[in-house]
């Protein structure tokens, strides 16, 4: 493994590449990455990097987002198998039908959506800013996709009618974290603070002391006086938390594993760098529409 890591590091320097890794990636991928974060954090970070070759260790929509924000750079994803099933639940054609069914209702899409669908959105949000954005939109009725649990969380926070599109959209990892599973961890660690991702079901979220995105949970853990945490999201985040806060204890939900995130490994990362595969391509018209929607969303948050 060390030989592969050395070759990746050497090749990265030779080609002037930067490696970005999501919080859910394998530990060895996190260790070799230049930057770690959530999907939008990494994409925004990539905009500020002068290097022209980006290797994005995350699922497909994340690499697409990086390409949208960096049209002049080459963006690679180490394997085409790193797909996001939730993003696939809201294809462009289905979103078009919902827009026809609800004329004039603002469409808010979670960043976990493919670029061709994002091009039809009125606003694009992250799990960290979704509630804030929706609260500022001048409408009491919102179409929100593709995560129904996040839509429910946003409705709770804003008091607005948030219509999930599709109604059953979900992240399989967070959807299958059962409340009983979290309750058992609470009983085993009564002194622990519980943090949960808003993609979890309402029943699971109710067991948490704090609900937030991966970046928000990381920040909260650093600022909290608590010394022990139950982390209710994909277990890859715990590796980063434990590494950055060795004086605290982080307990994962052991069954919360995104197999698609784990399809990226050192071998295919090395191959991607060597052969500069697989390059992410987004049509210029689609990319520009998504960029304009992101700018519009940022301006709304600045008001």
Protein backbone atom coordinates (compact mmCIF):
# COMPACT_ATOMS: atom_id res chain seq x y z
CA UNK A 1 0.00 0.00 0.00
CA UNK A 2 2.82 2.40 0.85
CA UNK A 3 4.30 1.87 -2.64
CA UNK A 4 0.98 2.83 -4.25
CA UNK A 5 0.72 5.89 -2.01
CA UNK A 6 4.23 6.97 -2.95
CA UNK A 7 3.46 6.60 -6.66
CA UNK A 8 0.26 8.62 -6.28
CA UNK A 9 2.10 11.39 -4.44
CA UNK A 10 4.91 11.43 -6.99
CA UNK A 11 2.51 11.47 -9.94
CA UNK A 12 0.36 14.14 -8.33
CA UNK A 13 3.36 16.44 -7.97
CA UNK A 14 4.62 15.68 -11.47
CA UNK A 15 1.27 16.44 -13.11
CA UNK A 16 0.35 19.35 -10.87
CA UNK A 17 -2.83 17.64 -9.73
CA UNK A 18 -4.94 18.10 -6.61
CA UNK A 19 -6.85 15.30 -4.88
CA UNK A 20 -10.18 16.11 -3.20
CA UNK A 21 -11.87 13.54 -0.96
CA UNK A 22 -15.32 13.47 0.58
CA UNK A 23 -15.76 12.85 4.32
CA UNK A 24 -17.17 9.38 3.57
CA UNK A 25 -14.13 8.11 1.66
CA UNK A 26 -11.92 5.24 2.83
CA UNK A 27 -9.31 6.25 5.45
CA UNK A 28 -6.39 5.72 3.04
CA UNK A 29 -8.05 8.02 0.51
CA UNK A 30 -8.64 10.69 3.14
CA UNK A 31 -5.01 10.39 4.22
CA UNK A 32 -3.62 11.01 0.74
CA UNK A 33 -6.04 13.79 -0.22
CA UNK A 34 -5.04 17.44 -0.36
CA UNK A 35 -8.44 18.53 0.94
CA UNK A 36 -11.29 16.71 2.70
CA UNK A 37 -14.83 18.00 3.09
CA UNK A 38 -18.44 17.69 2.03
CA UNK A 39 -19.46 17.89 -1.63
CA UNK A 40 -19.94 21.63 -2.01
CA UNK A 41 -17.06 22.53 0.32
CA UNK A 42 -14.73 20.61 -1.96
CA UNK A 43 -16.13 22.09 -5.14
CA UNK A 44 -15.81 25.63 -3.80
CA UNK A 45 -12.29 24.79 -2.61
CA UNK A 46 -11.40 23.59 -6.09
CA UNK A 47 -12.36 27.01 -7.52
CA UNK A 48 -9.57 28.58 -5.47
CA UNK A 49 -6.90 26.10 -6.57
CA UNK A 50 -4.54 27.19 -9.32
CA UNK A 51 -3.78 23.65 -10.50
CA UNK A 52 -5.66 22.53 -13.60
CA UNK A 53 -6.07 18.81 -12.86
CA UNK A 54 -8.57 17.78 -10.17
CA UNK A 55 -9.14 14.20 -9.05
CA UNK A 56 -12.42 14.06 -7.17
CA UNK A 57 -12.78 11.14 -4.77
CA UNK A 58 -16.53 11.12 -4.25
CA UNK A 59 -19.65 9.99 -6.10
CA UNK A 60 -20.66 11.12 -9.58
CA UNK A 61 -22.76 14.22 -8.84
CA UNK A 62 -19.94 15.65 -6.71
CA UNK A 63 -17.42 15.38 -9.53
CA UNK A 64 -20.02 16.97 -11.83
CA UNK A 65 -20.39 19.87 -9.42
CA UNK A 66 -16.64 20.40 -9.37
CA UNK A 67 -16.61 20.50 -13.18
CA UNK A 68 -19.51 22.97 -13.27
CA UNK A 69 -17.61 25.32 -10.99
CA UNK A 70 -14.31 24.77 -12.81
CA UNK A 71 -15.11 24.69 -16.54
CA UNK A 72 -11.52 25.37 -17.56
CA UNK A 73 -10.04 22.53 -15.51
CA UNK A 74 -9.85 18.80 -16.13
CA UNK A 75 -11.85 16.92 -13.49
CA UNK A 76 -11.39 13.18 -13.05
CA UNK A 77 -13.28 10.62 -11.00
CA UNK A 78 -11.27 7.45 -10.25
CA UNK A 79 -14.07 5.04 -11.18
CA UNK A 80 -17.34 5.32 -13.09
CA UNK A 81 -18.85 2.89 -10.57
CA UNK A 82 -18.98 5.58 -7.85
CA UNK A 83 -22.63 6.46 -8.43
CA UNK A 84 -25.18 8.14 -6.15
CA UNK A 85 -28.49 6.22 -6.20
CA UNK A 86 -30.34 9.16 -4.66
CA UNK A 87 -29.25 11.56 -7.41
CA UNK A 88 -30.54 9.05 -9.97
CA UNK A 89 -34.02 9.19 -8.39
CA UNK A 90 -34.71 12.61 -9.92
CA UNK A 91 -33.80 12.58 -13.61
CA UNK A 92 -34.42 15.67 -15.70
CA UNK A 93 -37.54 14.26 -17.40
CA UNK A 94 -39.22 13.59 -14.05
CA UNK A 95 -38.39 17.07 -12.78
CA UNK A 96 -39.95 18.53 -15.94
CA UNK A 97 -43.19 16.70 -15.10
CA UNK A 98 -43.25 18.10 -11.57
CA UNK A 99 -42.69 21.62 -12.88
CA UNK A 100 -45.65 21.18 -15.21
CA UNK A 101 -47.80 19.79 -12.38
CA UNK A 102 -46.92 22.68 -10.03
CA UNK A 103 -46.61 25.76 -12.25
CA UNK A 104 -45.04 28.75 -10.54
CA UNK A 105 -43.90 26.82 -7.46
CA UNK A 106 -40.17 27.40 -6.80
CA UNK A 107 -37.97 24.33 -7.30
CA UNK A 108 -35.19 23.81 -4.76
CA UNK A 109 -32.77 21.00 -5.53
CA UNK A 110 -30.34 19.41 -3.14
CA UNK A 111 -26.75 19.45 -4.38
CA UNK A 112 -27.07 15.64 -4.49
CA UNK A 113 -28.66 15.86 -7.95
CA UNK A 114 -27.23 15.46 -11.44
CA UNK A 115 -26.26 18.57 -13.40
CA UNK A 116 -28.87 18.20 -16.14
CA UNK A 117 -31.63 18.27 -13.50
CA UNK A 118 -29.96 21.11 -11.56
CA UNK A 119 -30.17 23.19 -14.74
CA UNK A 120 -33.98 23.32 -14.21
CA UNK A 121 -33.80 24.38 -10.56
CA UNK A 122 -34.58 27.80 -9.12
CA UNK A 123 -32.19 27.26 -6.22
CA UNK A 124 -29.50 24.69 -5.37
CA UNK A 125 -28.80 23.93 -1.71
CA UNK A 126 -26.68 21.81 0.60
CA UNK A 127 -27.87 20.02 3.71
CA UNK A 128 -26.15 22.81 5.66
CA UNK A 129 -28.03 25.72 4.07
CA UNK A 130 -31.28 24.15 2.78
CA UNK A 131 -33.52 25.44 5.58
CA UNK A 132 -31.96 28.91 5.46
CA UNK A 133 -32.45 29.19 1.69
CA UNK A 134 -36.07 27.95 1.79
CA UNK A 135 -36.91 30.33 4.63
CA UNK A 136 -35.81 33.27 2.45
CA UNK A 137 -37.76 32.30 -0.69
CA UNK A 138 -40.88 34.40 -1.20
CA UNK A 139 -43.26 31.44 -1.38
CA UNK A 140 -45.01 29.32 1.23
CA UNK A 141 -44.96 26.33 -1.10
CA UNK A 142 -41.74 24.71 -2.33
CA UNK A 143 -40.85 21.73 -4.51
CA UNK A 144 -37.79 20.04 -3.02
CA UNK A 145 -35.83 17.07 -4.32
CA UNK A 146 -34.54 14.47 -4.39
CA UNK A 147 -34.31 13.69 -0.63
CA UNK A 148 -37.70 13.43 1.10
CA UNK A 149 -36.16 13.25 4.58
CA UNK A 150 -34.23 16.48 4.04
CA UNK A 151 -37.44 18.01 2.64
CA UNK A 152 -39.22 16.98 5.85
CA UNK A 153 -36.44 18.53 7.94
CA UNK A 154 -36.68 21.78 5.96
CA UNK A 155 -40.46 21.83 6.44
CA UNK A 156 -39.96 21.39 10.19
CA UNK A 157 -37.47 24.25 10.33
CA UNK A 158 -39.33 26.72 8.10
CA UNK A 159 -43.00 25.93 8.66
CA UNK A 160 -43.55 25.97 4.89
CA UNK A 161 -45.22 23.38 2.70
CA UNK A 162 -42.26 21.51 1.25
CA UNK A 163 -43.32 18.99 -1.38
CA UNK A 164 -40.77 16.18 -1.81
CA UNK A 165 -40.00 15.21 -5.39
CA UNK A 166 -40.08 12.28 -5.76
CA UNK A 167 -42.16 11.47 -2.64
CA UNK A 168 -39.95 8.51 -1.73
CA UNK A 169 -36.55 10.01 -2.58
CA UNK A 170 -33.87 9.08 -0.05
CA UNK A 171 -30.26 8.25 0.69
CA UNK A 172 -30.21 4.50 1.23
CA UNK A 173 -27.53 4.81 3.92
CA UNK A 174 -29.41 7.33 6.06
CA UNK A 175 -32.85 5.90 5.35
CA UNK A 176 -31.84 2.51 6.74
CA UNK A 177 -30.40 3.82 10.00
CA UNK A 178 -33.15 2.54 12.28
CA UNK A 179 -34.16 4.46 15.42
CA UNK A 180 -33.74 1.26 17.45
CA UNK A 181 -30.12 1.06 16.28
CA UNK A 182 -29.43 4.57 17.54
CA UNK A 183 -31.37 3.92 20.76
CA UNK A 184 -29.17 0.91 21.50
CA UNK A 185 -26.05 3.06 21.07
CA UNK A 186 -27.54 5.68 23.40
CA UNK A 187 -28.22 3.03 26.05
CA UNK A 188 -24.67 1.70 25.68
CA UNK A 189 -23.17 5.21 25.85
CA UNK A 190 -25.52 7.35 27.99
CA UNK A 191 -22.83 10.04 28.36
CA UNK A 192 -22.53 10.60 24.61
CA UNK A 193 -23.95 13.48 22.62
CA UNK A 194 -25.90 12.33 19.55
CA UNK A 195 -25.35 14.04 16.20
CA UNK A 196 -27.44 13.10 13.14
CA UNK A 197 -27.55 14.02 9.47
CA UNK A 198 -30.80 15.64 8.21
CA UNK A 199 -31.05 12.91 5.54
CA UNK A 200 -32.07 10.55 8.35
CA UNK A 201 -35.74 9.84 8.98
CA UNK A 202 -37.64 12.10 11.37
CA UNK A 203 -37.81 9.29 13.96
CA UNK A 204 -34.03 8.97 13.92
CA UNK A 205 -33.46 12.73 13.95
CA UNK A 206 -35.62 13.05 17.07
CA UNK A 207 -33.05 11.01 19.01
CA UNK A 208 -30.28 13.50 18.24
CA UNK A 209 -29.08 16.43 20.32
CA UNK A 210 -27.73 18.06 17.16
CA UNK A 211 -28.76 17.74 13.50
CA UNK A 212 -26.46 18.97 10.75
CA UNK A 213 -24.45 18.27 7.63
CA UNK A 214 -21.11 16.48 7.82
CA UNK A 215 -19.25 19.80 7.89
CA UNK A 216 -21.59 21.13 10.56
CA UNK A 217 -21.20 18.00 12.69
CA UNK A 218 -17.44 18.25 12.46
CA UNK A 219 -17.50 21.89 13.54
CA UNK A 220 -20.01 21.21 16.30
CA UNK A 221 -17.88 18.40 17.74
CA UNK A 222 -14.86 20.72 17.87
CA UNK A 223 -16.83 23.45 19.64
CA UNK A 224 -18.82 21.22 22.01
CA UNK A 225 -17.69 20.56 25.57
CA UNK A 226 -18.82 16.94 25.19
CA UNK A 227 -16.08 14.31 25.06
CA UNK A 228 -18.08 11.49 23.47
CA UNK A 229 -20.33 11.51 20.41
CA UNK A 230 -22.60 9.07 18.61
CA UNK A 231 -22.29 10.00 14.92
CA UNK A 232 -25.44 9.14 12.99
CA UNK A 233 -24.29 9.30 9.38
CA UNK A 234 -22.03 7.32 7.04
CA UNK A 235 -19.28 5.93 9.25
CA UNK A 236 -16.42 7.36 7.14
CA UNK A 237 -16.86 10.71 8.87
CA UNK A 238 -15.80 9.17 12.18
CA UNK A 239 -12.30 8.49 10.84
CA UNK A 240 -11.76 12.17 10.10
CA UNK A 241 -13.30 13.25 13.41
CA UNK A 242 -11.14 10.90 15.43
CA UNK A 243 -8.03 11.96 13.54
CA UNK A 244 -8.67 15.68 14.07
CA UNK A 245 -9.94 15.33 17.66
CA UNK A 246 -7.92 12.51 19.28
CA UNK A 247 -8.94 13.69 22.75
CA UNK A 248 -12.60 12.88 22.04
CA UNK A 249 -14.43 9.63 21.33
CA UNK A 250 -16.62 9.09 18.28
CA UNK A 251 -18.99 6.15 17.96
CA UNK A 252 -20.24 5.26 14.46
CA UNK A 253 -23.37 3.48 13.35
CA UNK A 254 -21.51 0.39 12.13
CA UNK A 255 -24.06 -0.49 9.46
CA UNK A 256 -24.02 2.99 7.89
CA UNK A 257 -21.73 2.34 4.93
CA UNK A 258 -22.01 3.90 1.48
CA UNK A 259 -20.70 1.14 -0.77
CA UNK A 260 -20.58 3.54 -3.71
CA UNK A 261 -18.23 5.90 -1.87
CA UNK A 262 -16.03 2.94 -1.01
CA UNK A 263 -15.61 1.98 -4.67
CA UNK A 264 -12.78 4.49 -4.88
CA UNK A 265 -9.52 3.02 -3.68
CA UNK A 266 -5.79 3.65 -4.00
CA UNK A 267 -5.44 1.41 -7.05
CA UNK A 268 -8.08 3.11 -9.19
CA UNK A 269 -6.98 6.52 -7.92
CA UNK A 270 -3.46 5.75 -9.17
CA UNK A 271 -4.77 4.48 -12.51
CA UNK A 272 -6.93 7.58 -12.92
CA UNK A 273 -3.92 9.81 -12.36
CA UNK A 274 -1.66 7.76 -14.63
CA UNK A 275 -4.04 7.63 -17.57
CA UNK A 276 -6.08 10.75 -16.73
CA UNK A 277 -9.33 8.79 -16.69
CA UNK A 278 -12.29 9.15 -16.16
CA UNK A 279 -12.83 12.75 -17.20
CA UNK A 280 -16.08 14.45 -16.20
CA UNK A 281 -17.82 16.23 -19.08
CA UNK A 282 -20.74 18.68 -18.69
CA UNK A 283 -22.34 20.46 -21.64
CA UNK A 284 -21.51 24.18 -21.57
CA UNK A 285 -25.17 25.26 -21.63
CA UNK A 286 -26.06 22.98 -18.71
CA UNK A 287 -22.98 24.06 -16.76
CA UNK A 288 -23.71 27.76 -17.24
CA UNK A 289 -27.33 27.39 -16.11
CA UNK A 290 -26.22 25.54 -12.98
CA UNK A 291 -23.57 28.18 -12.25
CA UNK A 292 -26.14 30.97 -12.58
CA UNK A 293 -28.50 29.14 -10.20
CA UNK A 294 -25.69 28.72 -7.67
CA UNK A 295 -24.93 32.45 -7.93
CA UNK A 296 -28.62 33.23 -7.46
CA UNK A 297 -28.70 31.02 -4.34
CA UNK A 298 -25.61 32.67 -2.90
CA UNK A 299 -27.11 36.13 -3.44
CA UNK A 300 -30.29 35.07 -1.65
CA UNK A 301 -28.23 34.00 1.35
CA UNK A 302 -26.41 37.33 1.37
CA UNK A 303 -29.62 39.33 1.77
